Amino acid sequence: MKKENISDAVIRRLPRYYRQLTELCARGVVRISSHSLGQEMNITASQIRQDLSCFGEFGQQGYGYNAEELRAEIGHILGVDKNHHLIMIGVGNLGRALLHNFPFSQTGFSADAAFDISPAAIGTSINGVPIYSMEALEGYLRSHSVDVVVLTVPQSIAQETADRLVRLGVRGFWNFTNVELSSSVPEVQFENIHFADSLLTLSYRIANR
C-alpha cells in the first residue's frame, strides 16, 4: 500500500502501538501475539494486523511479534530515529511546563531553542533550552535546521505567527493555541491540539454511561 493511501486513523494508532510496546519491553516481554497486544490495547487482533500490513510484513505465524523489534520498526516509521529539530514560540505557563516536563528526546525531537517577547525570559533557559528574543528568530532560522515549531502564543496572533514562520521555511507545527491553523502551502503540516476536545469527550462518556 502506498503511504499516501494510509488513513489518518491508522497513523494515529501508531503512537499507541509504540507506547504500548515500550511498556511491554520495560516489563521484560520478549514476544507477543496480535491477540495479546490487542487485549492490552483494547483493539482487535485483525485491526492490528491490518494496520501493520500498511507498512510491510511483521512477525511470524505461530510466533507472533518480537516486541523490541516491532517497537523499533514502528519507531522508524514514526521517525523517532530521525532526530528532528524543534523550537518553541511563546514561553508562558504552558510553554514552560512543556519544556520542563515533556520528554522531547524520547519521541525523536531535539528541543533546541525557545523565543519570547518577555524581557524577564529572554537570556534565560528552561531545562537546558535557551530563550531568545523574537527579534532573533529570523536569524536563527537562517542558520539552523528547524523541523517543527511548538506554538504556545496567544490566539490573537496565532495565525499571523504561523504565516510568518511558513514564509521563513517552517513546515511542521505543534499548535497549542486553541485555534485551527492552516496554510495555503501544501507541504505544511499542522497538529492542532485542543485540550477541551479531550475533556468534552470524557464529559460525553460520563453523561452517557
Protein backbone atom coordinates (compact mmCIF):
# COMPACT_ATOMS: atom_id res chain seq x y z
CA MET A 1 0.00 0.00 0.00
CA LYS A 2 1.32 3.44 -0.92
CA LYS A 3 1.94 5.70 2.05
CA GLU A 4 -0.35 8.42 0.70
CA ASN A 5 -3.24 5.93 0.88
CA ILE A 6 -2.77 5.18 4.57
CA SER A 7 -5.68 6.57 6.57
CA ASP A 8 -5.28 9.16 9.30
CA ALA A 9 -6.86 6.68 11.75
CA VAL A 10 -4.06 4.17 11.11
CA ILE A 11 -1.39 6.84 11.51
CA ARG A 12 -2.91 7.97 14.81
CA ARG A 13 -2.85 4.42 16.16
CA LEU A 14 0.88 4.02 15.50
CA PRO A 15 1.97 6.09 18.53
CA ARG A 16 -0.32 3.95 20.69
CA TYR A 17 1.41 0.80 19.41
CA TYR A 18 4.80 2.38 20.04
CA ARG A 19 3.86 3.43 23.58
CA GLN A 20 2.37 0.03 24.44
CA LEU A 21 5.36 -1.85 23.06
CA THR A 22 7.69 0.42 25.02
CA GLU A 23 5.80 -0.52 28.19
CA LEU A 24 5.87 -4.23 27.29
CA CYS A 25 9.62 -4.15 26.69
CA ALA A 26 10.11 -2.40 30.04
CA ARG A 27 8.18 -5.27 31.64
CA GLY A 28 10.53 -7.78 30.04
CA VAL A 29 8.11 -9.10 27.41
CA VAL A 30 10.11 -10.64 24.55
CA ARG A 31 7.37 -11.73 22.18
CA ILE A 32 3.68 -11.05 21.88
CA SER A 33 0.85 -12.16 19.61
CA SER A 34 -1.51 -9.76 17.87
CA HIS A 35 -4.26 -11.19 20.08
CA SER A 36 -2.39 -10.42 23.30
CA LEU A 37 -1.33 -6.99 22.06
CA GLY A 38 -4.94 -6.29 21.16
CA GLN A 39 -6.07 -7.25 24.65
CA GLU A 40 -3.51 -4.87 26.13
CA MET A 41 -4.81 -2.03 23.95
CA ASN A 42 -8.49 -2.91 23.60
CA ILE A 43 -8.07 -3.28 19.81
CA THR A 44 -8.90 -6.38 17.79
CA ALA A 45 -6.08 -8.60 16.57
CA SER A 46 -7.32 -8.24 12.99
CA GLN A 47 -7.15 -4.44 13.29
CA ILE A 48 -3.54 -4.65 14.45
CA ARG A 49 -2.57 -6.97 11.60
CA GLN A 50 -4.38 -4.75 9.11
CA ASP A 51 -2.69 -1.59 10.42
CA LEU A 52 0.79 -3.10 10.36
CA SER A 53 0.31 -4.55 6.88
CA CYS A 54 0.15 -0.97 5.58
CA PHE A 55 3.88 -0.69 6.26
CA GLY A 56 5.22 -4.15 5.43
CA GLU A 57 5.38 -7.64 6.90
CA PHE A 58 5.95 -8.02 10.61
CA GLY A 59 6.05 -11.05 12.88
CA GLN A 60 5.93 -14.75 12.11
CA GLN A 61 2.97 -17.07 12.01
CA GLY A 62 2.90 -19.20 15.12
CA TYR A 63 5.43 -16.95 16.90
CA GLY A 64 3.87 -13.51 16.92
CA TYR A 65 5.99 -10.40 17.16
CA ASN A 66 9.34 -9.80 18.77
CA ALA A 67 8.34 -6.88 20.99
CA GLU A 68 11.62 -4.96 20.78
CA GLU A 69 11.97 -5.44 17.02
CA LEU A 70 8.39 -4.34 16.38
CA ARG A 71 8.86 -1.35 18.65
CA ALA A 72 11.98 -0.35 16.70
CA GLU A 73 10.21 -0.81 13.36
CA ILE A 74 7.25 1.33 14.40
CA GLY A 75 9.63 3.90 15.87
CA HIS A 76 11.38 4.06 12.49
CA ILE A 77 8.05 4.51 10.69
CA LEU A 78 7.18 7.32 13.10
CA GLY A 79 10.57 8.94 12.55
CA VAL A 80 11.75 8.58 16.14
CA ASP A 81 15.26 7.87 14.84
CA LYS A 82 15.38 10.99 12.61
CA ASN A 83 16.48 13.42 15.36
CA HIS A 84 14.06 16.17 14.33
CA HIS A 85 14.91 19.69 15.46
CA LEU A 86 12.30 21.70 17.30
CA ILE A 87 11.90 25.23 18.65
CA MET A 88 9.17 26.83 20.74
CA ILE A 89 7.48 30.18 20.19
CA GLY A 90 5.92 31.56 23.36
CA VAL A 91 7.24 30.64 26.79
CA GLY A 92 4.32 31.37 29.09
CA ASN A 93 2.95 28.92 31.62
CA LEU A 94 2.15 26.20 29.07
CA GLY A 95 5.39 26.60 27.17
CA ARG A 96 7.40 26.41 30.38
CA ALA A 97 5.50 23.33 31.51
CA LEU A 98 6.21 21.57 28.21
CA LEU A 99 9.92 22.43 28.31
CA HIS A 100 10.17 21.28 31.93
CA ASN A 101 8.20 18.06 31.62
CA PHE A 102 7.67 16.79 28.08
CA PRO A 103 10.18 14.06 27.02
CA PHE A 104 11.01 15.51 23.59
CA SER A 105 14.14 13.38 23.20
CA GLN A 106 12.20 10.15 23.78
CA THR A 107 9.98 10.96 20.81
CA GLY A 108 12.83 11.74 18.45
CA PHE A 109 12.96 15.52 18.85
CA SER A 110 15.74 17.80 19.99
CA ALA A 111 14.33 20.92 21.68
CA ASP A 112 16.98 23.43 20.63
CA ALA A 113 15.65 26.90 21.41
CA ALA A 114 12.66 28.97 22.52
CA PHE A 115 11.58 32.51 21.65
CA ASP A 116 9.55 35.06 23.58
CA ILE A 117 8.95 38.81 23.92
CA SER A 118 9.26 38.92 27.72
CA PRO A 119 12.45 40.68 28.91
CA ALA A 120 12.31 38.52 32.04
CA ALA A 121 12.51 35.33 29.96
CA ILE A 122 14.98 36.39 27.26
CA GLY A 123 18.51 35.30 28.07
CA THR A 124 17.43 32.60 30.50
CA SER A 125 17.00 28.88 29.85
CA ILE A 126 14.50 26.19 30.80
CA ASN A 127 15.69 22.62 31.21
CA GLY A 128 18.76 23.49 29.15
CA VAL A 129 16.78 25.17 26.34
CA PRO A 130 17.93 28.79 25.77
CA ILE A 131 15.30 31.52 25.37
CA TYR A 132 15.90 34.20 22.76
CA SER A 133 14.14 37.38 21.72
CA MET A 134 11.60 37.12 18.90
CA GLU A 135 13.79 39.63 17.08
CA ALA A 136 16.43 36.90 16.76
CA LEU A 137 14.02 34.41 15.17
CA GLU A 138 14.75 35.08 11.50
CA GLY A 139 18.49 34.94 12.00
CA TYR A 140 18.16 31.69 13.93
CA LEU A 141 16.06 30.07 11.21
CA ARG A 142 18.58 31.10 8.54
CA SER A 143 21.41 29.36 10.37
CA HIS A 144 19.68 26.36 11.96
CA SER A 145 17.64 23.46 10.70
CA VAL A 146 14.16 23.50 12.26
CA ASP A 147 11.65 20.75 11.50
CA VAL A 148 8.88 21.66 13.94
CA VAL A 149 7.74 24.75 15.82
CA VAL A 150 5.74 24.39 19.04
CA LEU A 151 3.30 27.29 19.14
CA THR A 152 2.09 28.45 22.56
CA VAL A 153 1.34 32.08 21.67
CA PRO A 154 -1.95 33.94 22.32
CA GLN A 155 -4.85 33.13 19.99
CA SER A 156 -4.92 36.67 18.63
CA ILE A 157 -1.52 36.29 16.96
CA ALA A 158 -1.54 32.55 16.27
CA GLN A 159 -2.26 32.59 12.52
CA GLU A 160 -0.03 35.56 11.74
CA THR A 161 2.82 33.93 13.67
CA ALA A 162 2.32 30.69 11.76
CA ASP A 163 2.21 32.58 8.44
CA ARG A 164 5.47 34.32 9.29
CA LEU A 165 7.13 31.03 10.15
CA VAL A 166 5.87 29.38 6.95
CA ARG A 167 7.43 32.24 4.94
CA LEU A 168 10.67 31.55 6.80
CA GLY A 169 10.59 27.90 5.72
CA VAL A 170 8.99 26.08 8.66
CA ARG A 171 6.85 23.15 7.55
CA GLY A 172 5.72 21.48 10.79
CA PHE A 173 3.68 22.95 13.66
CA TRP A 174 2.60 21.51 17.01
CA ASN A 175 -0.10 24.04 17.77
CA PHE A 176 -1.35 24.66 21.34
CA THR A 177 -3.04 28.00 20.62
CA ASN A 178 -6.58 26.50 20.53
CA VAL A 179 -7.01 27.95 17.03
CA GLU A 180 -7.31 25.78 13.91
CA LEU A 181 -4.32 26.96 11.90
CA SER A 182 -3.92 26.44 8.18
CA SER A 183 -1.68 27.34 5.27
CA SER A 184 -2.00 27.55 1.50
CA VAL A 185 1.41 25.88 1.23
CA PRO A 186 0.58 22.18 0.62
CA GLU A 187 3.57 20.65 2.41
CA VAL A 188 2.96 22.50 5.68
CA GLN A 189 1.67 20.18 8.40
CA PHE A 190 -0.32 21.27 11.48
CA GLU A 191 -1.11 19.16 14.51
CA ASN A 192 -3.72 21.30 16.26
CA ILE A 193 -4.08 20.38 19.93
CA HIS A 194 -7.37 21.18 21.68
CA PHE A 195 -7.40 20.19 25.34
CA ALA A 196 -11.13 20.91 25.57
CA ASP A 197 -11.89 18.24 22.95
CA SER A 198 -10.44 15.54 25.17
CA LEU A 199 -12.28 16.82 28.24
CA LEU A 200 -15.58 17.06 26.34
CA THR A 201 -15.12 13.52 25.06
CA LEU A 202 -14.79 12.42 28.68
CA SER A 203 -17.86 14.51 29.52
CA TYR A 204 -19.86 12.66 26.87
CA ARG A 205 -18.77 9.27 28.16
CA ILE A 206 -19.67 10.19 31.74
CA ALA A 207 -23.02 11.65 30.71
CA ASN A 208 -23.92 8.60 28.60
CA ARG A 209 -22.52 5.72 30.63
